N, C-alpha and C. Protein backbone atom coordinates (compact mmCIF):
# COMPACT_ATOMS: atom_id res chain seq x y z
N MET A 1 23.66 110.44 -52.45
CA MET A 1 24.84 111.09 -52.97
C MET A 1 25.09 110.56 -54.38
N SER A 2 25.26 111.46 -55.32
CA SER A 2 25.47 111.05 -56.71
C SER A 2 26.91 110.55 -56.89
N LYS A 3 27.14 109.92 -58.03
CA LYS A 3 28.48 109.41 -58.32
C LYS A 3 29.48 110.55 -58.40
N ALA A 4 29.09 111.66 -59.02
CA ALA A 4 29.99 112.81 -59.12
C ALA A 4 30.33 113.36 -57.74
N ASP A 5 29.34 113.40 -56.85
CA ASP A 5 29.58 113.86 -55.48
C ASP A 5 30.53 112.92 -54.74
N THR A 6 30.34 111.63 -54.95
CA THR A 6 31.21 110.64 -54.32
C THR A 6 32.64 110.79 -54.81
N VAL A 7 32.82 110.98 -56.10
CA VAL A 7 34.16 111.17 -56.67
C VAL A 7 34.81 112.42 -56.09
N GLU A 8 34.06 113.50 -56.01
CA GLU A 8 34.61 114.75 -55.45
C GLU A 8 34.96 114.59 -53.97
N ALA A 9 34.10 113.90 -53.23
CA ALA A 9 34.39 113.65 -51.82
C ALA A 9 35.66 112.83 -51.66
N MET A 10 35.82 111.82 -52.51
CA MET A 10 37.02 110.97 -52.46
C MET A 10 38.26 111.76 -52.87
N ARG A 11 38.13 112.68 -53.82
CA ARG A 11 39.28 113.52 -54.19
C ARG A 11 39.74 114.35 -52.99
N GLY A 12 38.78 114.88 -52.25
CA GLY A 12 39.11 115.65 -51.05
C GLY A 12 39.80 114.80 -50.01
N ILE A 13 39.33 113.59 -49.85
CA ILE A 13 39.95 112.66 -48.89
C ILE A 13 41.36 112.32 -49.33
N ILE A 14 41.53 112.02 -50.61
CA ILE A 14 42.86 111.68 -51.14
C ILE A 14 43.82 112.84 -50.96
N ALA A 15 43.35 114.04 -51.19
CA ALA A 15 44.22 115.21 -51.07
C ALA A 15 44.64 115.47 -49.62
N GLY A 16 43.76 115.18 -48.66
CA GLY A 16 44.05 115.52 -47.27
C GLY A 16 44.56 114.39 -46.41
N GLN A 17 44.53 113.17 -46.92
CA GLN A 17 44.91 112.02 -46.09
C GLN A 17 46.40 112.01 -45.78
N LYS A 18 46.73 111.49 -44.59
CA LYS A 18 48.12 111.32 -44.17
C LYS A 18 48.56 109.87 -44.33
N GLY A 19 47.59 108.97 -44.40
CA GLY A 19 47.87 107.56 -44.57
C GLY A 19 46.60 106.82 -44.95
N THR A 20 46.75 105.80 -45.79
CA THR A 20 45.60 105.04 -46.27
C THR A 20 45.94 103.55 -46.27
N VAL A 21 44.95 102.74 -45.94
CA VAL A 21 45.08 101.29 -46.01
C VAL A 21 43.92 100.77 -46.83
N LEU A 22 44.24 100.00 -47.87
CA LEU A 22 43.21 99.35 -48.69
C LEU A 22 43.02 97.93 -48.17
N ALA A 23 41.77 97.52 -48.08
CA ALA A 23 41.47 96.19 -47.58
C ALA A 23 40.42 95.53 -48.46
N GLU A 24 40.54 94.24 -48.57
CA GLU A 24 39.52 93.45 -49.26
C GLU A 24 38.61 92.88 -48.19
N TYR A 25 37.35 93.10 -48.36
CA TYR A 25 36.38 92.60 -47.38
C TYR A 25 35.41 91.69 -48.12
N ARG A 26 35.19 90.54 -47.58
CA ARG A 26 34.24 89.60 -48.16
C ARG A 26 33.43 88.97 -47.04
N GLY A 27 32.15 89.21 -47.07
CA GLY A 27 31.26 88.59 -46.10
C GLY A 27 31.16 89.31 -44.77
N LEU A 28 31.69 90.52 -44.67
CA LEU A 28 31.54 91.27 -43.42
C LEU A 28 30.09 91.67 -43.24
N THR A 29 29.61 91.50 -42.05
CA THR A 29 28.24 91.92 -41.75
C THR A 29 28.23 93.42 -41.47
N VAL A 30 27.06 93.99 -41.47
CA VAL A 30 26.92 95.41 -41.17
C VAL A 30 27.44 95.68 -39.75
N ALA A 31 27.18 94.79 -38.83
CA ALA A 31 27.63 94.96 -37.44
C ALA A 31 29.17 94.95 -37.38
N GLU A 32 29.81 94.08 -38.15
CA GLU A 32 31.28 94.02 -38.16
C GLU A 32 31.88 95.29 -38.76
N ILE A 33 31.29 95.78 -39.84
CA ILE A 33 31.77 97.03 -40.45
C ILE A 33 31.56 98.19 -39.48
N THR A 34 30.44 98.20 -38.80
CA THR A 34 30.18 99.25 -37.81
C THR A 34 31.20 99.19 -36.68
N ASN A 35 31.54 97.99 -36.24
CA ASN A 35 32.55 97.81 -35.19
C ASN A 35 33.92 98.32 -35.66
N LEU A 36 34.29 98.01 -36.90
CA LEU A 36 35.56 98.50 -37.45
C LEU A 36 35.56 100.02 -37.53
N ARG A 37 34.47 100.58 -38.01
CA ARG A 37 34.39 102.04 -38.10
C ARG A 37 34.52 102.69 -36.72
N LYS A 38 33.91 102.07 -35.73
CA LYS A 38 34.00 102.60 -34.36
C LYS A 38 35.45 102.56 -33.88
N ARG A 39 36.13 101.46 -34.10
CA ARG A 39 37.55 101.34 -33.70
C ARG A 39 38.40 102.39 -34.40
N LEU A 40 38.14 102.59 -35.68
CA LEU A 40 38.94 103.56 -36.44
C LEU A 40 38.65 104.99 -35.99
N ARG A 41 37.41 105.29 -35.66
CA ARG A 41 37.09 106.64 -35.17
C ARG A 41 37.84 106.95 -33.88
N GLU A 42 38.08 105.92 -33.07
CA GLU A 42 38.82 106.10 -31.82
C GLU A 42 40.25 106.57 -32.07
N VAL A 43 40.81 106.23 -33.24
CA VAL A 43 42.18 106.65 -33.57
C VAL A 43 42.17 107.74 -34.65
N ASP A 44 41.04 108.44 -34.76
CA ASP A 44 40.90 109.55 -35.70
C ASP A 44 41.10 109.11 -37.15
N ALA A 45 40.46 108.00 -37.50
CA ALA A 45 40.51 107.47 -38.86
C ALA A 45 39.10 107.12 -39.31
N GLU A 46 38.95 106.92 -40.61
CA GLU A 46 37.64 106.59 -41.19
C GLU A 46 37.77 105.35 -42.06
N PHE A 47 36.63 104.74 -42.36
CA PHE A 47 36.57 103.54 -43.19
C PHE A 47 35.43 103.71 -44.17
N ARG A 48 35.74 103.55 -45.44
CA ARG A 48 34.72 103.72 -46.49
C ARG A 48 34.78 102.57 -47.47
N VAL A 49 33.60 102.18 -47.90
CA VAL A 49 33.48 101.23 -48.99
C VAL A 49 33.08 102.05 -50.20
N VAL A 50 33.90 101.98 -51.25
CA VAL A 50 33.65 102.78 -52.45
C VAL A 50 33.81 101.87 -53.66
N LYS A 51 33.00 102.10 -54.66
CA LYS A 51 33.13 101.33 -55.89
C LYS A 51 34.49 101.60 -56.52
N ASN A 52 35.08 100.55 -57.05
CA ASN A 52 36.42 100.67 -57.65
C ASN A 52 36.46 101.69 -58.79
N THR A 53 35.42 101.74 -59.60
CA THR A 53 35.42 102.70 -60.71
C THR A 53 35.43 104.14 -60.20
N LEU A 54 34.72 104.38 -59.10
CA LEU A 54 34.66 105.74 -58.55
C LEU A 54 35.99 106.14 -57.91
N ILE A 55 36.61 105.21 -57.21
CA ILE A 55 37.91 105.55 -56.58
C ILE A 55 38.99 105.72 -57.65
N ARG A 56 38.89 104.97 -58.75
CA ARG A 56 39.84 105.17 -59.85
C ARG A 56 39.70 106.58 -60.43
N ARG A 57 38.46 107.02 -60.62
CA ARG A 57 38.23 108.38 -61.13
C ARG A 57 38.77 109.43 -60.17
N ALA A 58 38.54 109.21 -58.88
CA ALA A 58 38.99 110.18 -57.88
C ALA A 58 40.51 110.21 -57.80
N ALA A 59 41.16 109.07 -58.00
CA ALA A 59 42.61 108.99 -57.87
C ALA A 59 43.34 109.46 -59.13
N LYS A 60 42.61 109.59 -60.22
CA LYS A 60 43.22 109.99 -61.48
C LYS A 60 43.98 111.31 -61.31
N ASP A 61 45.14 111.42 -61.93
CA ASP A 61 45.99 112.61 -61.90
C ASP A 61 46.54 112.90 -60.50
N SER A 62 46.66 111.89 -59.66
CA SER A 62 47.31 112.07 -58.36
C SER A 62 48.23 110.86 -58.12
N GLY A 63 49.09 110.97 -57.14
CA GLY A 63 49.97 109.85 -56.81
C GLY A 63 49.20 108.63 -56.34
N PHE A 64 48.00 108.87 -55.87
CA PHE A 64 47.14 107.80 -55.38
C PHE A 64 46.77 106.82 -56.50
N SER A 65 46.89 107.28 -57.74
CA SER A 65 46.54 106.42 -58.88
C SER A 65 47.47 105.22 -59.00
N ARG A 66 48.63 105.26 -58.32
CA ARG A 66 49.54 104.10 -58.33
C ARG A 66 48.96 102.90 -57.59
N LEU A 67 47.88 103.13 -56.86
CA LEU A 67 47.20 102.03 -56.16
C LEU A 67 46.16 101.35 -57.04
N GLU A 68 46.03 101.80 -58.27
CA GLU A 68 44.96 101.33 -59.15
C GLU A 68 44.94 99.82 -59.30
N GLU A 69 46.09 99.18 -59.29
CA GLU A 69 46.12 97.72 -59.44
C GLU A 69 45.42 97.00 -58.29
N PHE A 70 45.24 97.69 -57.16
CA PHE A 70 44.59 97.08 -56.01
C PHE A 70 43.10 97.34 -55.96
N PHE A 71 42.58 98.15 -56.89
CA PHE A 71 41.15 98.43 -56.94
C PHE A 71 40.44 97.33 -57.71
N ILE A 72 40.52 96.13 -57.18
CA ILE A 72 39.91 94.95 -57.79
C ILE A 72 39.16 94.22 -56.69
N GLY A 73 37.99 93.74 -56.99
CA GLY A 73 37.20 93.04 -55.99
C GLY A 73 36.63 94.03 -54.98
N PRO A 74 36.02 93.50 -53.93
CA PRO A 74 35.44 94.39 -52.93
C PRO A 74 36.55 95.12 -52.16
N THR A 75 36.66 96.41 -52.38
CA THR A 75 37.73 97.20 -51.78
C THR A 75 37.16 98.24 -50.83
N ALA A 76 37.74 98.30 -49.65
CA ALA A 76 37.39 99.32 -48.66
C ALA A 76 38.63 100.13 -48.37
N ILE A 77 38.44 101.37 -48.00
CA ILE A 77 39.56 102.27 -47.76
C ILE A 77 39.49 102.79 -46.34
N GLY A 78 40.55 102.53 -45.60
CA GLY A 78 40.72 103.12 -44.28
C GLY A 78 41.70 104.27 -44.45
N TYR A 79 41.37 105.44 -43.92
CA TYR A 79 42.27 106.60 -44.10
C TYR A 79 42.26 107.46 -42.85
N THR A 80 43.32 108.22 -42.71
CA THR A 80 43.43 109.13 -41.57
C THR A 80 43.99 110.47 -42.03
N MET A 81 43.59 111.49 -41.34
CA MET A 81 44.11 112.83 -41.60
C MET A 81 45.18 113.19 -40.57
N SER A 82 45.48 112.23 -39.65
CA SER A 82 46.45 112.53 -38.60
C SER A 82 47.55 111.48 -38.46
N ASP A 83 47.28 110.35 -37.81
CA ASP A 83 48.33 109.39 -37.45
C ASP A 83 48.20 108.08 -38.22
N PRO A 84 49.05 107.87 -39.24
CA PRO A 84 48.95 106.64 -40.03
C PRO A 84 49.35 105.38 -39.26
N VAL A 85 50.17 105.52 -38.24
CA VAL A 85 50.58 104.35 -37.45
C VAL A 85 49.37 103.79 -36.70
N SER A 86 48.59 104.66 -36.10
CA SER A 86 47.39 104.21 -35.38
C SER A 86 46.39 103.56 -36.32
N LEU A 87 46.26 104.10 -37.53
CA LEU A 87 45.39 103.49 -38.54
C LEU A 87 45.86 102.08 -38.86
N ALA A 88 47.17 101.93 -39.12
CA ALA A 88 47.71 100.62 -39.47
C ALA A 88 47.52 99.63 -38.32
N LYS A 89 47.74 100.07 -37.09
CA LYS A 89 47.54 99.20 -35.93
C LYS A 89 46.09 98.74 -35.83
N ALA A 90 45.16 99.68 -35.94
CA ALA A 90 43.74 99.34 -35.81
C ALA A 90 43.29 98.39 -36.93
N MET A 91 43.72 98.67 -38.15
CA MET A 91 43.34 97.80 -39.28
C MET A 91 43.93 96.40 -39.11
N ARG A 92 45.20 96.33 -38.67
CA ARG A 92 45.82 95.01 -38.48
C ARG A 92 45.11 94.25 -37.37
N GLU A 93 44.83 94.92 -36.24
CA GLU A 93 44.16 94.24 -35.13
C GLU A 93 42.81 93.68 -35.58
N PHE A 94 42.09 94.45 -36.36
CA PHE A 94 40.78 93.98 -36.82
C PHE A 94 40.94 92.82 -37.79
N SER A 95 41.92 92.90 -38.69
CA SER A 95 42.09 91.84 -39.68
C SER A 95 42.60 90.54 -39.04
N VAL A 96 43.37 90.65 -37.96
CA VAL A 96 43.84 89.46 -37.26
C VAL A 96 42.65 88.76 -36.59
N GLY A 97 41.75 89.53 -36.05
CA GLY A 97 40.60 88.96 -35.36
C GLY A 97 39.46 88.56 -36.28
N ASN A 98 39.54 88.92 -37.57
CA ASN A 98 38.45 88.65 -38.48
C ASN A 98 39.02 88.24 -39.85
N GLN A 99 38.81 87.02 -40.21
CA GLN A 99 39.37 86.50 -41.47
C GLN A 99 38.62 86.99 -42.71
N LYS A 100 37.54 87.73 -42.52
CA LYS A 100 36.76 88.22 -43.66
C LYS A 100 37.36 89.47 -44.28
N ILE A 101 38.38 90.03 -43.64
CA ILE A 101 39.01 91.23 -44.17
C ILE A 101 40.51 90.96 -44.31
N ARG A 102 41.05 91.41 -45.44
CA ARG A 102 42.48 91.18 -45.73
C ARG A 102 43.10 92.50 -46.18
N LEU A 103 44.21 92.86 -45.56
CA LEU A 103 44.91 94.08 -45.96
C LEU A 103 45.55 93.86 -47.32
N LYS A 104 45.34 94.80 -48.24
CA LYS A 104 45.88 94.68 -49.60
C LYS A 104 47.12 95.54 -49.79
N ALA A 105 46.99 96.82 -49.47
CA ALA A 105 48.07 97.77 -49.74
C ALA A 105 47.82 99.03 -48.92
N GLY A 106 48.76 99.94 -49.01
CA GLY A 106 48.62 101.21 -48.31
C GLY A 106 49.27 102.33 -49.08
N TYR A 107 49.09 103.53 -48.60
CA TYR A 107 49.66 104.72 -49.23
C TYR A 107 50.09 105.67 -48.13
N LEU A 108 51.36 106.02 -48.13
CA LEU A 108 51.90 106.90 -47.10
C LEU A 108 52.99 107.78 -47.69
N ASP A 109 52.83 109.07 -47.54
CA ASP A 109 53.82 110.05 -48.03
C ASP A 109 54.18 109.84 -49.49
N GLY A 110 53.16 109.57 -50.32
CA GLY A 110 53.39 109.42 -51.74
C GLY A 110 53.96 108.07 -52.15
N LYS A 111 54.06 107.14 -51.21
CA LYS A 111 54.63 105.83 -51.51
C LYS A 111 53.57 104.74 -51.32
N VAL A 112 53.55 103.81 -52.24
CA VAL A 112 52.65 102.66 -52.14
C VAL A 112 53.29 101.64 -51.20
N LEU A 113 52.52 101.16 -50.25
CA LEU A 113 53.01 100.17 -49.28
C LEU A 113 52.37 98.81 -49.54
N SER A 114 53.15 97.77 -49.40
CA SER A 114 52.61 96.42 -49.51
C SER A 114 51.94 96.05 -48.19
N ALA A 115 51.26 94.92 -48.17
CA ALA A 115 50.60 94.47 -46.95
C ALA A 115 51.63 94.23 -45.85
N LYS A 116 52.81 93.71 -46.20
CA LYS A 116 53.87 93.48 -45.21
C LYS A 116 54.39 94.80 -44.65
N GLU A 117 54.48 95.82 -45.49
CA GLU A 117 54.93 97.12 -45.01
C GLU A 117 53.90 97.76 -44.07
N ILE A 118 52.64 97.50 -44.32
CA ILE A 118 51.60 97.98 -43.41
C ILE A 118 51.75 97.29 -42.05
N GLU A 119 52.03 95.99 -42.09
CA GLU A 119 52.27 95.24 -40.84
C GLU A 119 53.46 95.84 -40.09
N ALA A 120 54.52 96.16 -40.81
CA ALA A 120 55.70 96.76 -40.18
C ALA A 120 55.36 98.14 -39.60
N LEU A 121 54.57 98.90 -40.32
CA LEU A 121 54.14 100.22 -39.83
C LEU A 121 53.31 100.07 -38.56
N ALA A 122 52.51 99.03 -38.50
CA ALA A 122 51.68 98.79 -37.31
C ALA A 122 52.54 98.44 -36.09
N ASP A 123 53.75 97.93 -36.32
CA ASP A 123 54.64 97.57 -35.22
C ASP A 123 55.43 98.76 -34.67
N VAL A 124 55.36 99.90 -35.34
CA VAL A 124 56.07 101.09 -34.87
C VAL A 124 55.41 101.56 -33.57
N PRO A 125 56.21 101.89 -32.55
CA PRO A 125 55.62 102.38 -31.29
C PRO A 125 54.88 103.69 -31.50
N LYS A 126 54.03 104.03 -30.54
CA LYS A 126 53.27 105.28 -30.62
C LYS A 126 54.20 106.48 -30.63
N ARG A 127 53.69 107.58 -31.11
CA ARG A 127 54.46 108.81 -31.26
C ARG A 127 55.06 109.25 -29.92
N GLU A 128 54.28 109.17 -28.85
CA GLU A 128 54.75 109.59 -27.53
C GLU A 128 55.94 108.75 -27.07
N VAL A 129 55.89 107.45 -27.35
CA VAL A 129 56.98 106.55 -26.97
C VAL A 129 58.24 106.91 -27.76
N LEU A 130 58.08 107.15 -29.05
CA LEU A 130 59.24 107.53 -29.87
C LEU A 130 59.85 108.85 -29.41
N LEU A 131 59.01 109.82 -29.07
CA LEU A 131 59.52 111.11 -28.58
C LEU A 131 60.25 110.95 -27.25
N SER A 132 59.71 110.13 -26.36
CA SER A 132 60.39 109.94 -25.08
C SER A 132 61.72 109.22 -25.27
N ARG A 133 61.78 108.28 -26.20
CA ARG A 133 63.06 107.62 -26.50
C ARG A 133 64.06 108.62 -27.07
N LEU A 134 63.58 109.50 -27.93
CA LEU A 134 64.45 110.51 -28.52
C LEU A 134 65.01 111.43 -27.45
N VAL A 135 64.13 111.91 -26.56
CA VAL A 135 64.58 112.80 -25.49
C VAL A 135 65.55 112.08 -24.56
N GLY A 136 65.24 110.84 -24.23
CA GLY A 136 66.13 110.04 -23.38
C GLY A 136 67.49 109.84 -24.04
N GLY A 137 67.48 109.58 -25.32
CA GLY A 137 68.74 109.40 -26.06
C GLY A 137 69.55 110.68 -26.12
N MET A 138 68.86 111.81 -26.23
CA MET A 138 69.57 113.09 -26.27
C MET A 138 70.09 113.48 -24.89
N ALA A 139 69.35 113.12 -23.83
CA ALA A 139 69.74 113.51 -22.48
C ALA A 139 70.84 112.61 -21.91
N ALA A 140 70.94 111.39 -22.37
CA ALA A 140 71.91 110.45 -21.81
C ALA A 140 73.35 110.94 -21.93
N PRO A 141 73.81 111.42 -23.09
CA PRO A 141 75.20 111.90 -23.15
C PRO A 141 75.45 113.10 -22.24
N ILE A 142 74.47 113.97 -22.10
CA ILE A 142 74.62 115.13 -21.23
C ILE A 142 74.73 114.68 -19.77
N THR A 143 73.90 113.72 -19.38
CA THR A 143 73.93 113.19 -18.02
C THR A 143 75.28 112.53 -17.74
N ARG A 144 75.77 111.73 -18.70
CA ARG A 144 77.07 111.07 -18.51
C ARG A 144 78.19 112.09 -18.41
N LEU A 145 78.12 113.16 -19.20
CA LEU A 145 79.13 114.21 -19.13
C LEU A 145 79.10 114.89 -17.77
N ALA A 146 77.92 115.19 -17.27
CA ALA A 146 77.80 115.82 -15.95
C ALA A 146 78.36 114.92 -14.86
N GLN A 147 78.09 113.63 -14.96
CA GLN A 147 78.62 112.69 -13.97
C GLN A 147 80.14 112.60 -14.07
N ALA A 148 80.65 112.59 -15.29
CA ALA A 148 82.11 112.52 -15.47
C ALA A 148 82.80 113.76 -14.93
N LEU A 149 82.20 114.92 -15.14
CA LEU A 149 82.80 116.16 -14.66
C LEU A 149 82.69 116.29 -13.14
N SER A 150 81.65 115.72 -12.55
CA SER A 150 81.51 115.81 -11.11
C SER A 150 82.35 114.75 -10.38
N GLY A 151 82.84 113.76 -11.09
CA GLY A 151 83.64 112.69 -10.48
C GLY A 151 84.87 113.20 -9.75
N PRO A 152 85.75 113.99 -10.39
CA PRO A 152 86.94 114.48 -9.69
C PRO A 152 86.59 115.33 -8.46
N LYS A 153 85.53 116.11 -8.55
CA LYS A 153 85.12 116.93 -7.40
C LYS A 153 84.70 116.03 -6.24
N ARG A 154 83.94 114.97 -6.56
CA ARG A 154 83.52 114.03 -5.52
C ARG A 154 84.72 113.36 -4.88
N LYS A 155 85.69 112.98 -5.70
CA LYS A 155 86.89 112.34 -5.16
C LYS A 155 87.66 113.29 -4.26
N LEU A 156 87.77 114.56 -4.67
CA LEU A 156 88.46 115.55 -3.86
C LEU A 156 87.75 115.73 -2.52
N VAL A 157 86.40 115.79 -2.56
CA VAL A 157 85.63 115.94 -1.32
C VAL A 157 85.85 114.72 -0.43
N CYS A 158 85.88 113.53 -1.00
CA CYS A 158 86.10 112.31 -0.22
C CYS A 158 87.50 112.32 0.41
N VAL A 159 88.51 112.74 -0.33
CA VAL A 159 89.88 112.81 0.19
C VAL A 159 89.94 113.81 1.33
N LEU A 160 89.35 115.00 1.14
CA LEU A 160 89.36 116.02 2.19
C LEU A 160 88.61 115.53 3.43
N GLN A 161 87.51 114.81 3.24
CA GLN A 161 86.76 114.27 4.37
C GLN A 161 87.60 113.24 5.11
N SER A 162 88.32 112.41 4.37
CA SER A 162 89.19 111.41 5.00
C SER A 162 90.29 112.09 5.82
N ILE A 163 90.89 113.14 5.27
CA ILE A 163 91.94 113.87 5.99
C ILE A 163 91.36 114.49 7.25
N HIS A 164 90.17 115.08 7.12
CA HIS A 164 89.50 115.69 8.27
C HIS A 164 89.24 114.65 9.35
N ASP A 165 88.71 113.47 8.95
CA ASP A 165 88.41 112.41 9.90
C ASP A 165 89.69 111.92 10.56
N LEU A 166 90.79 111.79 9.81
CA LEU A 166 92.06 111.33 10.34
C LEU A 166 92.60 112.32 11.36
N LYS A 167 92.55 113.61 11.02
CA LYS A 167 93.05 114.65 11.94
C LYS A 167 92.18 114.73 13.18
N SER A 168 90.87 114.52 13.04
CA SER A 168 89.96 114.53 14.19
C SER A 168 90.31 113.40 15.15
N LYS A 169 90.65 112.24 14.63
CA LYS A 169 91.02 111.10 15.46
C LYS A 169 92.34 111.35 16.16
N GLN A 170 93.28 112.02 15.43
CA GLN A 170 94.60 112.28 16.03
C GLN A 170 94.46 113.30 17.15
N VAL A 171 93.63 114.31 16.99
CA VAL A 171 93.45 115.32 18.01
C VAL A 171 92.77 114.74 19.24
N SER A 172 91.77 113.93 19.06
CA SER A 172 91.06 113.33 20.19
C SER A 172 91.88 112.26 20.87
N ALA A 173 92.86 111.69 20.23
CA ALA A 173 93.66 110.64 20.84
C ALA A 173 94.78 111.18 21.61
């Protein structure tokens, strides 16, 4: 693949990505990089090692160019076209288990993220968990309202049952 092809491919990635994590890698073996790529594919993400000059060219005239200060030293790019939280989790898990890779920065929704912000993003629960919490939060007031409205009816039924039981005892006695 020529340099021009690589730049064009990276432009396409930059245009379509939903989240990106930049990492510095030093001394990673081919097996370790393959393992990381495998983990990232499981969460619908990719990992690429690209020359800094080529990624700078690809990022030119886009918001991604704000990451230019991080294109120093051996830089690898993890990116996803779907779930940035899963990408951040996978990258953090790998970096915690391997001291040869260090998270540098990230890019999400046009905003540059620091390494600490990537860590915070990795702590966000999965989408399904957040949706279930949202639905639970929305259903709770409705459930409480239904219980509150049924309370007087239940009390009336209990009072009527007590009167019935009392009259039944009086008749049988």
